[in-house]
Amino acid sequence: MGQVINNIFARSFRSLSRGRNVSGYLMIAPYLLHLVIFLGYPLVFAFVLVFHRWDIITPMEFAGLKNLTRLIHDDLFFKALLNTGFFLSIHIPLQIITALFFADLLNKKLKGQDFFRTIYFLPVVVSGVVVAILFSQLFAFENGYINGIITALGGERVPWLVSPQWAMPSIAIIVTWKNVGFYIILFLAGMQNIPASLYEVASLEGATTWQRWTRVTIPLLNPTMVTVIVLSTIGGFSLFIEPYMLTGGGPLNSTLSAVLYIYNQAFYFNHMGYAAALGFAFACIIFTIVFLQKRFVTKDMYS
């Protein structure tokens, strides 16, 4: 009799479990459907495009490996990659230093602290197009507000966006101003998780402010630092709005980013198949760099 009861309970439990599984699948079905339609299908379609020639208007034509062969010999694409790397070499250090500086200020007890936190984060939620229009006025060569201040002080105008030497550093400054508020919040959260007792012990040991900063704050911010570096790298690789709005990739292709080049090939020249090949190659480059970066930066910081 006991065995019969146990079998009944076992079958009931299995039925209930199956019901829960079905309910679970039904709950995630909308998300899976969204994933298939808006991520899966575009990825498959883009991969198919890699091996075809298509200008949106006429039917697709099979091209084999011609798009990949063209990519290997495309000097302008490699120029765009170098421009993106140059941008990252300025943007990432500038963003980290700026975010650490303001996060340290906000971590102290100051009047109006919440107000300043809001002000620093405000550019993050402002449209990139609006930011580009704002800085086009600030960095204009003839009538720009910044050059107006420089000339009023007796200096010479700086060719912020019209010189190949100044254009990409200027864009790096703009992007840093736009995004630094997000990383200030990350560093601030990391600083607030550091026990105050560690600073008290360091002070009792006679540590200076700089020593407390370098031997307590920075080492304990290592996990946050890794996150900031990885996110900054991924965000930097997606550079598009600023060069598109401010310079169009010029002067002399000095601000032509990889994403802008892919966009031009797809929607300006209607080379959709080649743009798909560029996109997949660029995605592989980003994945490799971020993977190596995360692995070695994490290893160095925790060794």
C-alpha atoms as a PDB file:
ATOM      1  CA  MET A   1       0.000   0.000   0.000  1.00  0.00           C
ATOM      2  CA  GLY A   2       2.844   2.384   0.907  1.00  0.00           C
ATOM      3  CA  GLN A   3       4.551   1.629  -2.407  1.00  0.00           C
ATOM      4  CA  VAL A   4       1.357   2.482  -4.312  1.00  0.00           C
ATOM      5  CA  ILE A   5       1.072   5.805  -2.499  1.00  0.00           C
ATOM      6  CA  ASN A   6       4.720   6.585  -3.237  1.00  0.00           C
ATOM      7  CA  ASN A   7       4.174   5.830  -6.940  1.00  0.00           C
ATOM      8  CA  ILE A   8       1.149   8.134  -7.018  1.00  0.00           C
ATOM      9  CA  PHE A   9       3.131  10.959  -5.403  1.00  0.00           C
ATOM     10  CA  ALA A  10       6.043  10.358  -7.787  1.00  0.00           C
ATOM     11  CA  ARG A  11       3.807  10.530 -10.866  1.00  0.00           C
ATOM     12  CA  SER A  12       2.100  13.644  -9.517  1.00  0.00           C
ATOM     13  CA  PHE A  13       5.455  15.319  -8.923  1.00  0.00           C
ATOM     14  CA  ARG A  14       6.643  14.474 -12.427  1.00  0.00           C
ATOM     15  CA  SER A  15       3.431  15.856 -13.928  1.00  0.00           C
ATOM     16  CA  LEU A  16       3.770  19.000 -11.855  1.00  0.00           C
ATOM     17  CA  SER A  17       7.397  19.382 -12.926  1.00  0.00           C
ATOM     18  CA  ARG A  18       6.435  19.001 -16.573  1.00  0.00           C
ATOM     19  CA  GLY A  19       3.730  21.618 -16.094  1.00  0.00           C
ATOM     20  CA  ARG A  20       6.227  23.991 -14.548  1.00  0.00           C
ATOM     21  CA  ASN A  21       8.632  23.403 -17.428  1.00  0.00           C
ATOM     22  CA  VAL A  22       5.911  24.174 -19.961  1.00  0.00           C
ATOM     23  CA  SER A  23       4.997  27.320 -18.046  1.00  0.00           C
ATOM     24  CA  GLY A  24       8.637  28.333 -17.991  1.00  0.00           C
ATOM     25  CA  TYR A  25       8.985  27.883 -21.739  1.00  0.00           C
ATOM     26  CA  LEU A  26       5.810  29.885 -22.300  1.00  0.00           C
ATOM     27  CA  MET A  27       7.187  32.696 -20.125  1.00  0.00           C
ATOM     28  CA  ILE A  28      10.424  32.994 -22.091  1.00  0.00           C
ATOM     29  CA  ALA A  29       8.815  32.396 -25.498  1.00  0.00           C
ATOM     30  CA  PRO A  30       8.331  36.132 -26.274  1.00  0.00           C
ATOM     31  CA  TYR A  31      11.982  36.824 -25.509  1.00  0.00           C
ATOM     32  CA  LEU A  32      13.142  33.867 -27.600  1.00  0.00           C
ATOM     33  CA  LEU A  33      10.927  35.008 -30.460  1.00  0.00           C
ATOM     34  CA  HIS A  34      12.356  38.527 -30.208  1.00  0.00           C
ATOM     35  CA  LEU A  35      15.884  37.077 -30.148  1.00  0.00           C
ATOM     36  CA  VAL A  36      15.280  34.962 -33.245  1.00  0.00           C
ATOM     37  CA  ILE A  37      13.623  37.768 -35.243  1.00  0.00           C
ATOM     38  CA  PHE A  38      15.863  40.709 -34.321  1.00  0.00           C
ATOM     39  CA  LEU A  39      19.194  38.964 -33.710  1.00  0.00           C
ATOM     40  CA  GLY A  40      19.222  35.487 -35.195  1.00  0.00           C
ATOM     41  CA  TYR A  41      17.722  36.305 -38.587  1.00  0.00           C
ATOM     42  CA  PRO A  42      19.851  39.462 -39.184  1.00  0.00           C
ATOM     43  CA  LEU A  43      23.019  37.540 -38.292  1.00  0.00           C
ATOM     44  CA  VAL A  44      22.194  34.696 -40.668  1.00  0.00           C
ATOM     45  CA  PHE A  45      21.177  37.121 -43.418  1.00  0.00           C
ATOM     46  CA  ALA A  46      24.383  39.140 -42.946  1.00  0.00           C
ATOM     47  CA  PHE A  47      26.461  35.970 -43.118  1.00  0.00           C
ATOM     48  CA  VAL A  48      24.740  35.036 -46.384  1.00  0.00           C
ATOM     49  CA  LEU A  49      25.463  38.526 -47.714  1.00  0.00           C
ATOM     50  CA  VAL A  50      29.180  38.016 -47.144  1.00  0.00           C
ATOM     51  CA  PHE A  51      29.219  35.674 -50.143  1.00  0.00           C
ATOM     52  CA  HIS A  52      26.938  37.747 -52.369  1.00  0.00           C
ATOM     53  CA  ARG A  53      26.896  41.025 -54.262  1.00  0.00           C
ATOM     54  CA  TRP A  54      23.794  43.115 -53.583  1.00  0.00           C
ATOM     55  CA  ASP A  55      22.908  46.778 -54.063  1.00  0.00           C
ATOM     56  CA  ILE A  56      19.451  46.596 -52.392  1.00  0.00           C
ATOM     57  CA  ILE A  57      17.686  47.281 -55.704  1.00  0.00           C
ATOM     58  CA  THR A  58      18.685  44.352 -57.910  1.00  0.00           C
ATOM     59  CA  PRO A  59      18.570  40.674 -56.865  1.00  0.00           C
ATOM     60  CA  MET A  60      21.508  39.239 -54.965  1.00  0.00           C
ATOM     61  CA  GLU A  61      24.293  37.721 -57.044  1.00  0.00           C
ATOM     62  CA  PHE A  62      26.587  35.013 -55.697  1.00  0.00           C
ATOM     63  CA  ALA A  63      30.152  36.332 -55.441  1.00  0.00           C
ATOM     64  CA  GLY A  64      31.953  33.547 -53.618  1.00  0.00           C
ATOM     65  CA  LEU A  65      35.002  34.814 -51.764  1.00  0.00           C
ATOM     66  CA  LYS A  66      35.360  38.046 -53.751  1.00  0.00           C
ATOM     67  CA  ASN A  67      34.183  40.223 -50.848  1.00  0.00           C
ATOM     68  CA  LEU A  68      36.740  38.665 -48.526  1.00  0.00           C
ATOM     69  CA  THR A  69      39.477  38.999 -51.134  1.00  0.00           C
ATOM     70  CA  ARG A  70      38.603  42.657 -51.601  1.00  0.00           C
ATOM     71  CA  LEU A  71      38.715  43.179 -47.831  1.00  0.00           C
ATOM     72  CA  ILE A  72      42.259  41.828 -47.569  1.00  0.00           C
ATOM     73  CA  HIS A  73      43.465  44.345 -50.178  1.00  0.00           C
ATOM     74  CA  ASP A  74      41.398  47.290 -48.924  1.00  0.00           C
ATOM     75  CA  ASP A  75      43.910  49.838 -47.631  1.00  0.00           C
ATOM     76  CA  LEU A  76      41.171  52.258 -46.609  1.00  0.00           C
ATOM     77  CA  PHE A  77      39.625  49.714 -44.254  1.00  0.00           C
ATOM     78  CA  PHE A  78      42.974  49.205 -42.538  1.00  0.00           C
ATOM     79  CA  LYS A  79      43.338  52.979 -42.386  1.00  0.00           C
ATOM     80  CA  ALA A  80      39.969  53.115 -40.626  1.00  0.00           C
ATOM     81  CA  LEU A  81      41.141  50.435 -38.179  1.00  0.00           C
ATOM     82  CA  LEU A  82      44.292  52.452 -37.430  1.00  0.00           C
ATOM     83  CA  ASN A  83      42.199  55.576 -36.904  1.00  0.00           C
ATOM     84  CA  THR A  84      39.983  53.679 -34.471  1.00  0.00           C
ATOM     85  CA  GLY A  85      43.043  52.375 -32.616  1.00  0.00           C
ATOM     86  CA  PHE A  86      44.462  55.912 -32.412  1.00  0.00           C
ATOM     87  CA  PHE A  87      41.162  57.147 -31.051  1.00  0.00           C
ATOM     88  CA  LEU A  88      41.136  54.411 -28.383  1.00  0.00           C
ATOM     89  CA  SER A  89      44.715  55.206 -27.352  1.00  0.00           C
ATOM     90  CA  ILE A  90      43.577  58.734 -26.461  1.00  0.00           C
ATOM     91  CA  HIS A  91      40.034  58.090 -25.332  1.00  0.00           C
ATOM     92  CA  ILE A  92      40.520  55.218 -22.863  1.00  0.00           C
ATOM     93  CA  PRO A  93      43.333  56.769 -20.730  1.00  0.00           C
ATOM     94  CA  LEU A  94      41.623  60.173 -20.811  1.00  0.00           C
ATOM     95  CA  GLN A  95      38.317  58.654 -19.764  1.00  0.00           C
ATOM     96  CA  ILE A  96      39.813  56.613 -16.920  1.00  0.00           C
ATOM     97  CA  ILE A  97      41.817  59.531 -15.503  1.00  0.00           C
ATOM     98  CA  THR A  98      38.869  61.941 -15.744  1.00  0.00           C
ATOM     99  CA  ALA A  99      36.406  59.457 -14.251  1.00  0.00           C
ATOM    100  CA  LEU A 100      38.747  58.623 -11.350  1.00  0.00           C
ATOM    101  CA  PHE A 101      39.323  62.311 -10.596  1.00  0.00           C
ATOM    102  CA  PHE A 102      35.637  63.238 -10.428  1.00  0.00           C
ATOM    103  CA  ALA A 103      34.644  60.007  -8.688  1.00  0.00           C
ATOM    104  CA  ASP A 104      37.153  60.813  -5.943  1.00  0.00           C
ATOM    105  CA  LEU A 105      35.675  64.304  -5.579  1.00  0.00           C
ATOM    106  CA  LEU A 106      32.136  62.944  -5.385  1.00  0.00           C
ATOM    107  CA  ASN A 107      33.210  60.354  -2.836  1.00  0.00           C
ATOM    108  CA  LYS A 108      34.006  63.126  -0.379  1.00  0.00           C
ATOM    109  CA  LYS A 109      31.415  64.882   1.732  1.00  0.00           C
ATOM    110  CA  LEU A 110      30.542  67.954  -0.262  1.00  0.00           C
ATOM    111  CA  LYS A 111      27.526  70.223  -0.280  1.00  0.00           C
ATOM    112  CA  GLY A 112      25.237  69.610  -3.234  1.00  0.00           C
ATOM    113  CA  GLN A 113      26.732  66.199  -3.880  1.00  0.00           C
ATOM    114  CA  ASP A 114      23.578  64.800  -5.481  1.00  0.00           C
ATOM    115  CA  PHE A 115      23.349  67.816  -7.769  1.00  0.00           C
ATOM    116  CA  PHE A 116      26.895  67.327  -9.052  1.00  0.00           C
ATOM    117  CA  ARG A 117      26.312  63.608  -9.583  1.00  0.00           C
ATOM    118  CA  THR A 118      23.332  64.459 -11.760  1.00  0.00           C
ATOM    119  CA  ILE A 119      25.248  67.099 -13.695  1.00  0.00           C
ATOM    120  CA  TYR A 120      28.145  64.735 -14.429  1.00  0.00           C
ATOM    121  CA  PHE A 121      25.794  61.993 -15.624  1.00  0.00           C
ATOM    122  CA  LEU A 122      23.572  64.275 -17.716  1.00  0.00           C
ATOM    123  CA  PRO A 123      25.711  64.102 -20.931  1.00  0.00           C
ATOM    124  CA  VAL A 124      25.328  60.306 -20.946  1.00  0.00           C
ATOM    125  CA  VAL A 125      21.584  60.550 -21.553  1.00  0.00           C
ATOM    126  CA  VAL A 126      21.843  63.389 -24.070  1.00  0.00           C
ATOM    127  CA  SER A 127      21.604  62.339 -27.716  1.00  0.00           C
ATOM    128  CA  GLY A 128      24.935  61.949 -29.481  1.00  0.00           C
ATOM    129  CA  VAL A 129      23.610  64.092 -32.334  1.00  0.00           C
ATOM    130  CA  VAL A 130      22.889  66.936 -29.915  1.00  0.00           C
ATOM    131  CA  VAL A 131      26.383  66.627 -28.442  1.00  0.00           C
ATOM    132  CA  ALA A 132      27.911  66.704 -31.926  1.00  0.00           C
ATOM    133  CA  ILE A 133      25.976  69.874 -32.812  1.00  0.00           C
ATOM    134  CA  LEU A 134      27.046  71.477 -29.533  1.00  0.00           C
ATOM    135  CA  PHE A 135      30.736  70.781 -30.097  1.00  0.00           C
ATOM    136  CA  SER A 136      30.549  71.827 -33.742  1.00  0.00           C
ATOM    137  CA  GLN A 137      29.834  75.286 -32.349  1.00  0.00           C
ATOM    138  CA  LEU A 138      32.462  75.058 -29.638  1.00  0.00           C
ATOM    139  CA  PHE A 139      35.214  73.718 -31.930  1.00  0.00           C
ATOM    140  CA  ALA A 140      34.454  75.764 -35.052  1.00  0.00           C
ATOM    141  CA  PHE A 141      37.669  77.251 -36.448  1.00  0.00           C
ATOM    142  CA  GLU A 142      36.514  80.744 -37.362  1.00  0.00           C
ATOM    143  CA  ASN A 143      33.619  81.503 -35.028  1.00  0.00           C
ATOM    144  CA  GLY A 144      33.943  78.766 -32.404  1.00  0.00           C
ATOM    145  CA  TYR A 145      33.522  79.756 -28.785  1.00  0.00           C
ATOM    146  CA  ILE A 146      36.726  78.044 -27.644  1.00  0.00           C
ATOM    147  CA  ASN A 147      38.850  79.660 -30.336  1.00  0.00           C
ATOM    148  CA  GLY A 148      37.165  82.947 -29.471  1.00  0.00           C
ATOM    149  CA  ILE A 149      38.421  82.629 -25.900  1.00  0.00           C
ATOM    150  CA  ILE A 150      41.904  81.614 -27.095  1.00  0.00           C
ATOM    151  CA  THR A 151      42.216  84.586 -29.440  1.00  0.00           C
ATOM    152  CA  ALA A 152      40.869  86.923 -26.759  1.00  0.00           C
ATOM    153  CA  LEU A 153      43.734  85.768 -24.544  1.00  0.00           C
ATOM    154  CA  GLY A 154      46.259  86.454 -27.292  1.00  0.00           C
ATOM    155  CA  GLY A 155      46.628  82.938 -28.685  1.00  0.00           C
ATOM    156  CA  GLU A 156      46.123  81.537 -32.160  1.00  0.00           C
ATOM    157  CA  ARG A 157      43.108  79.605 -33.346  1.00  0.00           C
ATOM    158  CA  VAL A 158      43.345  75.831 -33.001  1.00  0.00           C
ATOM    159  CA  PRO A 159      42.151  73.802 -36.036  1.00  0.00           C
ATOM    160  CA  TRP A 160      40.175  71.406 -33.856  1.00  0.00           C
ATOM    161  CA  LEU A 161      38.164  69.632 -36.548  1.00  0.00           C
ATOM    162  CA  VAL A 162      39.831  70.818 -39.767  1.00  0.00           C
ATOM    163  CA  SER A 163      43.360  69.519 -39.226  1.00  0.00           C
ATOM    164  CA  PRO A 164      44.367  65.844 -39.639  1.00  0.00           C
ATOM    165  CA  GLN A 165      46.536  66.165 -36.530  1.00  0.00           C
ATOM    166  CA  TRP A 166      43.836  67.695 -34.322  1.00  0.00           C
ATOM    167  CA  ALA A 167      40.620  66.138 -35.604  1.00  0.00           C
ATOM    168  CA  MET A 168      40.770  62.695 -33.980  1.00  0.00           C
ATOM    169  CA  PRO A 169      42.066  63.979 -30.601  1.00  0.00           C
ATOM    170  CA  SER A 170      39.211  66.512 -30.660  1.00  0.00           C
ATOM    171  CA  ILE A 171      36.690  63.737 -31.273  1.00  0.00           C
ATOM    172  CA  ALA A 172      38.257  61.740 -28.428  1.00  0.00           C
ATOM    173  CA  ILE A 173      37.675  64.719 -26.118  1.00  0.00           C
ATOM    174  CA  ILE A 174      34.048  64.962 -27.249  1.00  0.00           C
ATOM    175  CA  VAL A 175      33.336  61.263 -26.751  1.00  0.00           C
ATOM    176  CA  THR A 176      35.012  61.332 -23.337  1.00  0.00           C
ATOM    177  CA  TRP A 177      32.851  64.290 -22.266  1.00  0.00           C
ATOM    178  CA  LYS A 178      29.771  62.435 -23.502  1.00  0.00           C
ATOM    179  CA  ASN A 179      30.423  59.118 -21.729  1.00  0.00           C
ATOM    180  CA  VAL A 180      32.582  59.863 -18.704  1.00  0.00           C
ATOM    181  CA  GLY A 181      29.600  60.301 -16.374  1.00  0.00           C
ATOM    182  CA  PHE A 182      28.755  56.605 -16.655  1.00  0.00           C
ATOM    183  CA  TYR A 183      32.264  55.593 -15.624  1.00  0.00           C
ATOM    184  CA  ILE A 184      32.283  58.140 -12.812  1.00  0.00           C
ATOM    185  CA  ILE A 185      29.300  56.274 -11.356  1.00  0.00           C
ATOM    186  CA  LEU A 186      31.104  52.928 -11.701  1.00  0.00           C
ATOM    187  CA  PHE A 187      34.247  54.186  -9.980  1.00  0.00           C
ATOM    188  CA  LEU A 188      32.201  55.951  -7.308  1.00  0.00           C
ATOM    189  CA  ALA A 189      30.362  52.725  -6.521  1.00  0.00           C
ATOM    190  CA  GLY A 190      33.682  50.908  -6.284  1.00  0.00           C
ATOM    191  CA  MET A 191      35.151  53.548  -3.961  1.00  0.00           C
ATOM    192  CA  GLN A 192      32.138  53.432  -1.668  1.00  0.00           C
ATOM    193  CA  ASN A 193      32.620  49.690  -1.238  1.00  0.00           C
ATOM    194  CA  ILE A 194      36.146  50.176   0.115  1.00  0.00           C
ATOM    195  CA  PRO A 195      36.071  49.872   3.944  1.00  0.00           C
ATOM    196  CA  ALA A 196      36.866  53.153   5.691  1.00  0.00           C
ATOM    197  CA  SER A 197      38.919  51.206   8.239  1.00  0.00           C
ATOM    198  CA  LEU A 198      41.603  50.621   5.611  1.00  0.00           C
ATOM    199  CA  TYR A 199      42.097  54.360   5.195  1.00  0.00           C
ATOM    200  CA  GLU A 200      42.178  54.808   8.968  1.00  0.00           C
ATOM    201  CA  VAL A 201      44.886  52.179   9.306  1.00  0.00           C
ATOM    202  CA  ALA A 202      46.861  53.762   6.469  1.00  0.00           C
ATOM    203  CA  SER A 203      46.614  57.167   8.144  1.00  0.00           C
ATOM    204  CA  LEU A 204      47.795  55.730  11.465  1.00  0.00           C
ATOM    205  CA  GLU A 205      50.762  54.212   9.636  1.00  0.00           C
ATOM    206  CA  GLY A 206      51.675  57.668   8.370  1.00  0.00           C
ATOM    207  CA  ALA A 207      50.631  57.177   4.751  1.00  0.00           C
ATOM    208  CA  THR A 208      50.281  60.322   2.685  1.00  0.00           C
ATOM    209  CA  THR A 209      47.227  61.097   0.555  1.00  0.00           C
ATOM    210  CA  TRP A 210      49.039  59.875  -2.549  1.00  0.00           C
ATOM    211  CA  GLN A 211      50.099  56.652  -0.804  1.00  0.00           C
ATOM    212  CA  ARG A 212      46.546  55.992   0.367  1.00  0.00           C
ATOM    213  CA  TRP A 213      45.374  56.565  -3.194  1.00  0.00           C
ATOM    214  CA  THR A 214      47.959  54.305  -4.865  1.00  0.00           C
ATOM    215  CA  ARG A 215      48.149  51.556  -2.228  1.00  0.00           C
ATOM    216  CA  VAL A 216      44.543  51.353  -1.058  1.00  0.00           C
ATOM    217  CA  THR A 217      42.136  52.922  -3.538  1.00  0.00           C
ATOM    218  CA  ILE A 218      43.624  51.854  -6.866  1.00  0.00           C
ATOM    219  CA  PRO A 219      44.340  48.190  -5.925  1.00  0.00           C
ATOM    220  CA  LEU A 220      40.821  47.728  -4.524  1.00  0.00           C
ATOM    221  CA  LEU A 221      39.324  49.297  -7.645  1.00  0.00           C
ATOM    222  CA  ASN A 222      40.891  46.638  -9.876  1.00  0.00           C
ATOM    223  CA  PRO A 223      37.599  44.812 -10.650  1.00  0.00           C
ATOM    224  CA  THR A 224      35.944  48.119 -11.549  1.00  0.00           C
ATOM    225  CA  MET A 225      38.991  49.116 -13.594  1.00  0.00           C
ATOM    226  CA  VAL A 226      38.739  45.940 -15.669  1.00  0.00           C
ATOM    227  CA  THR A 227      35.057  46.621 -16.319  1.00  0.00           C
ATOM    228  CA  VAL A 228      35.724  50.227 -17.320  1.00  0.00           C
ATOM    229  CA  ILE A 229      38.549  49.279 -19.699  1.00  0.00           C
ATOM    230  CA  VAL A 230      36.497  46.581 -21.413  1.00  0.00           C
ATOM    231  CA  LEU A 231      33.367  48.744 -21.729  1.00  0.00           C
ATOM    232  CA  SER A 232      35.404  51.721 -22.949  1.00  0.00           C
ATOM    233  CA  THR A 233      37.057  49.559 -25.584  1.00  0.00           C
ATOM    234  CA  ILE A 234      33.773  48.164 -26.866  1.00  0.00           C
ATOM    235  CA  GLY A 235      32.182  51.619 -26.869  1.00  0.00           C
ATOM    236  CA  GLY A 236      35.215  53.146 -28.591  1.00  0.00           C
ATOM    237  CA  PHE A 237      35.129  50.588 -31.380  1.00  0.00           C
ATOM    238  CA  SER A 238      31.554  51.674 -32.138  1.00  0.00           C
ATOM    239  CA  LEU A 239      32.664  55.247 -32.871  1.00  0.00           C
ATOM    240  CA  PHE A 240      30.302  56.604 -35.528  1.00  0.00           C
ATOM    241  CA  ILE A 241      28.071  59.578 -34.659  1.00  0.00           C
ATOM    242  CA  GLU A 242      30.846  62.086 -33.898  1.00  0.00           C
ATOM    243  CA  PRO A 243      32.927  61.623 -37.077  1.00  0.00           C
ATOM    244  CA  TYR A 244      29.774  61.242 -39.174  1.00  0.00           C
ATOM    245  CA  MET A 245      28.276  64.507 -37.880  1.00  0.00           C
ATOM    246  CA  LEU A 246      31.403  66.618 -37.413  1.00  0.00           C
ATOM    247  CA  THR A 247      33.939  65.640 -40.072  1.00  0.00           C
ATOM    248  CA  GLY A 248      32.405  63.019 -42.355  1.00  0.00           C
ATOM    249  CA  GLY A 249      35.575  60.984 -41.851  1.00  0.00           C
ATOM    250  CA  GLY A 250      37.892  63.799 -42.937  1.00  0.00           C
ATOM    251  CA  PRO A 251      40.056  65.702 -43.224  1.00  0.00           C
ATOM    252  CA  LEU A 252      42.055  63.316 -45.456  1.00  0.00           C
ATOM    253  CA  ASN A 253      40.277  60.314 -43.878  1.00  0.00           C
ATOM    254  CA  SER A 254      41.936  61.084 -40.535  1.00  0.00           C
ATOM    255  CA  THR A 255      38.709  60.529 -38.602  1.00  0.00           C
ATOM    256  CA  LEU A 256      37.295  57.718 -40.725  1.00  0.00           C
ATOM    257  CA  SER A 257      36.323  55.092 -38.142  1.00  0.00           C
ATOM    258  CA  ALA A 258      35.743  51.449 -38.994  1.00  0.00           C
ATOM    259  CA  VAL A 259      32.004  51.693 -38.327  1.00  0.00           C
ATOM    260  CA  LEU A 260      31.697  54.826 -40.453  1.00  0.00           C
ATOM    261  CA  TYR A 261      33.529  53.088 -43.294  1.00  0.00           C
ATOM    262  CA  ILE A 262      31.195  50.085 -43.077  1.00  0.00           C
ATOM    263  CA  TYR A 263      28.204  52.461 -43.080  1.00  0.00           C
ATOM    264  CA  ASN A 264      29.503  54.256 -46.174  1.00  0.00           C
ATOM    265  CA  GLN A 265      30.008  51.019 -48.050  1.00  0.00           C
ATOM    266  CA  ALA A 266      26.493  49.842 -47.182  1.00  0.00           C
ATOM    267  CA  PHE A 267      24.348  52.964 -47.511  1.00  0.00           C
ATOM    268  CA  TYR A 268      26.407  55.367 -49.604  1.00  0.00           C
ATOM    269  CA  PHE A 269      27.856  52.998 -52.200  1.00  0.00           C
ATOM    270  CA  ASN A 270      25.174  50.282 -51.764  1.00  0.00           C
ATOM    271  CA  HIS A 271      27.824  47.561 -51.450  1.00  0.00           C
ATOM    272  CA  MET A 272      25.783  45.538 -48.976  1.00  0.00           C
ATOM    273  CA  GLY A 273      27.685  42.272 -49.433  1.00  0.00           C
ATOM    274  CA  TYR A 274      31.049  43.921 -48.929  1.00  0.00           C
ATOM    275  CA  ALA A 275      29.726  45.859 -45.942  1.00  0.00           C
ATOM    276  CA  ALA A 276      28.588  42.561 -44.398  1.00  0.00           C
ATOM    277  CA  ALA A 277      32.069  41.105 -44.918  1.00  0.00           C
ATOM    278  CA  LEU A 278      33.605  44.192 -43.279  1.00  0.00           C
ATOM    279  CA  GLY A 279      31.158  43.921 -40.383  1.00  0.00           C
ATOM    280  CA  PHE A 280      31.979  40.287 -39.663  1.00  0.00           C
ATOM    281  CA  ALA A 281      35.722  40.965 -39.888  1.00  0.00           C
ATOM    282  CA  PHE A 282      35.395  43.945 -37.567  1.00  0.00           C
ATOM    283  CA  ALA A 283      33.306  41.932 -35.084  1.00  0.00           C
ATOM    284  CA  CYS A 284      36.007  39.232 -35.005  1.00  0.00           C
ATOM    285  CA  ILE A 285      38.664  41.891 -34.367  1.00  0.00           C
ATOM    286  CA  ILE A 286      36.655  43.404 -31.504  1.00  0.00           C
ATOM    287  CA  PHE A 287      36.008  39.999 -29.943  1.00  0.00           C
ATOM    288  CA  THR A 288      39.699  39.048 -30.128  1.00  0.00           C
ATOM    289  CA  ILE A 289      40.951  42.342 -28.680  1.00  0.00           C
ATOM    290  CA  VAL A 290      38.409  42.410 -25.850  1.00  0.00           C
ATOM    291  CA  PHE A 291      39.096  38.755 -25.021  1.00  0.00           C
ATOM    292  CA  LEU A 292      42.861  39.290 -24.883  1.00  0.00           C
ATOM    293  CA  GLN A 293      42.440  42.576 -23.071  1.00  0.00           C
ATOM    294  CA  LYS A 294      40.204  41.116 -20.386  1.00  0.00           C
ATOM    295  CA  ARG A 295      42.456  38.110 -19.957  1.00  0.00           C
ATOM    296  CA  PHE A 296      45.778  39.930 -19.700  1.00  0.00           C
ATOM    297  CA  VAL A 297      44.526  43.034 -17.888  1.00  0.00           C
ATOM    298  CA  THR A 298      42.845  40.837 -15.289  1.00  0.00           C
ATOM    299  CA  LYS A 299      45.958  38.705 -14.969  1.00  0.00           C
ATOM    300  CA  ASP A 300      48.224  41.728 -14.516  1.00  0.00           C
ATOM    301  CA  MET A 301      45.940  43.366 -11.969  1.00  0.00           C
ATOM    302  CA  TYR A 302      45.528  40.273  -9.820  1.00  0.00           C
ATOM    303  CA  SER A 303      49.098  38.947 -10.090  1.00  0.00           C
END
